[in-house]
Amino acid sequence: MKEWSELFEVEKQKLNQLGNESLTDGIPLHENDALQDQSRRVDELIVQLHKRVRLKRRSR
């Protein structure tokens, strides 16, 4: 779980950086393809976490 947490933090930081750069450059967030791709990566990590939690609960 620690590895997942570290990966999530790294990917979330990348997303935040892309968002800040987009705002600084005056680019709408929905028009920034790199930001949208990174957002999907972060979303997928969250989905994986929810699946792991659900499996743990079922195995109890």
C-alpha atoms as a PDB file:
ATOM      1  CA  MET A   1       0.000   0.000   0.000  1.00  0.00           C
ATOM      2  CA  LYS A   2       2.947   2.315   0.654  1.00  0.00           C
ATOM      3  CA  GLU A   3       4.124   1.965  -2.944  1.00  0.00           C
ATOM      4  CA  TRP A   4       0.634   2.871  -4.182  1.00  0.00           C
ATOM      5  CA  SER A   5       0.522   5.877  -1.868  1.00  0.00           C
ATOM      6  CA  GLU A   6       3.877   7.132  -3.102  1.00  0.00           C
ATOM      7  CA  LEU A   7       2.900   6.634  -6.743  1.00  0.00           C
ATOM      8  CA  PHE A   8      -0.393   8.434  -6.138  1.00  0.00           C
ATOM      9  CA  GLU A   9       1.373  11.409  -4.556  1.00  0.00           C
ATOM     10  CA  VAL A  10       3.818  11.678  -7.466  1.00  0.00           C
ATOM     11  CA  GLU A  11       1.056  11.511 -10.053  1.00  0.00           C
ATOM     12  CA  LYS A  12      -1.124  13.957  -8.114  1.00  0.00           C
ATOM     13  CA  GLN A  13       1.800  16.399  -7.902  1.00  0.00           C
ATOM     14  CA  LYS A  14       2.282  16.164 -11.677  1.00  0.00           C
ATOM     15  CA  LEU A  15      -1.416  16.917 -12.128  1.00  0.00           C
ATOM     16  CA  ASN A  16      -1.208  19.935  -9.830  1.00  0.00           C
ATOM     17  CA  GLN A  17       1.853  21.232 -11.658  1.00  0.00           C
ATOM     18  CA  LEU A  18       0.160  20.897 -15.043  1.00  0.00           C
ATOM     19  CA  GLY A  19      -2.920  22.655 -13.690  1.00  0.00           C
ATOM     20  CA  ASN A  20      -0.902  25.531 -12.294  1.00  0.00           C
ATOM     21  CA  GLU A  21       1.044  25.912 -15.536  1.00  0.00           C
ATOM     22  CA  SER A  22      -2.166  25.893 -17.532  1.00  0.00           C
ATOM     23  CA  LEU A  23      -3.712  28.579 -15.356  1.00  0.00           C
ATOM     24  CA  THR A  24      -0.538  30.690 -15.479  1.00  0.00           C
ATOM     25  CA  ASP A  25      -0.474  30.438 -19.268  1.00  0.00           C
ATOM     26  CA  GLY A  26      -4.172  31.279 -19.514  1.00  0.00           C
ATOM     27  CA  ILE A  27      -5.068  27.921 -21.033  1.00  0.00           C
ATOM     28  CA  PRO A  28      -8.465  26.558 -19.966  1.00  0.00           C
ATOM     29  CA  LEU A  29      -8.011  23.311 -18.064  1.00  0.00           C
ATOM     30  CA  HIS A  30     -10.368  21.400 -20.347  1.00  0.00           C
ATOM     31  CA  GLU A  31      -8.254  22.380 -23.369  1.00  0.00           C
ATOM     32  CA  ASN A  32      -4.956  21.148 -21.920  1.00  0.00           C
ATOM     33  CA  ASP A  33      -4.494  17.622 -23.287  1.00  0.00           C
ATOM     34  CA  ALA A  34      -1.508  16.824 -21.066  1.00  0.00           C
ATOM     35  CA  LEU A  35      -3.491  17.816 -17.993  1.00  0.00           C
ATOM     36  CA  GLN A  36      -6.470  15.726 -19.088  1.00  0.00           C
ATOM     37  CA  ASP A  37      -4.229  12.677 -19.645  1.00  0.00           C
ATOM     38  CA  GLN A  38      -2.646  13.117 -16.222  1.00  0.00           C
ATOM     39  CA  SER A  39      -6.070  13.521 -14.650  1.00  0.00           C
ATOM     40  CA  ARG A  40      -7.103  10.175 -16.140  1.00  0.00           C
ATOM     41  CA  ARG A  41      -3.973   8.555 -14.653  1.00  0.00           C
ATOM     42  CA  VAL A  42      -4.832   9.902 -11.206  1.00  0.00           C
ATOM     43  CA  ASP A  43      -8.455   8.790 -11.628  1.00  0.00           C
ATOM     44  CA  GLU A  44      -7.306   5.280 -12.529  1.00  0.00           C
ATOM     45  CA  LEU A  45      -5.146   5.091  -9.409  1.00  0.00           C
ATOM     46  CA  ILE A  46      -8.147   6.092  -7.304  1.00  0.00           C
ATOM     47  CA  VAL A  47     -10.262   3.397  -8.970  1.00  0.00           C
ATOM     48  CA  GLN A  48      -7.539   0.836  -8.210  1.00  0.00           C
ATOM     49  CA  LEU A  49      -7.516   1.874  -4.570  1.00  0.00           C
ATOM     50  CA  HIS A  50     -11.274   1.502  -4.280  1.00  0.00           C
ATOM     51  CA  LYS A  51     -11.061  -1.973  -5.830  1.00  0.00           C
ATOM     52  CA  ARG A  52      -8.353  -2.993  -3.347  1.00  0.00           C
ATOM     53  CA  VAL A  53     -10.367  -1.702  -0.398  1.00  0.00           C
ATOM     54  CA  ARG A  54     -13.460  -3.535  -1.618  1.00  0.00           C
ATOM     55  CA  LEU A  55     -11.506  -6.787  -1.985  1.00  0.00           C
ATOM     56  CA  LYS A  56     -10.069  -6.429   1.498  1.00  0.00           C
ATOM     57  CA  ARG A  57     -13.536  -5.917   2.966  1.00  0.00           C
ATOM     58  CA  ARG A  58     -14.869  -8.998   1.172  1.00  0.00           C
ATOM     59  CA  SER A  59     -12.011 -11.165   2.401  1.00  0.00           C
ATOM     60  CA  ARG A  60     -12.699 -10.420   6.071  1.00  0.00           C
END
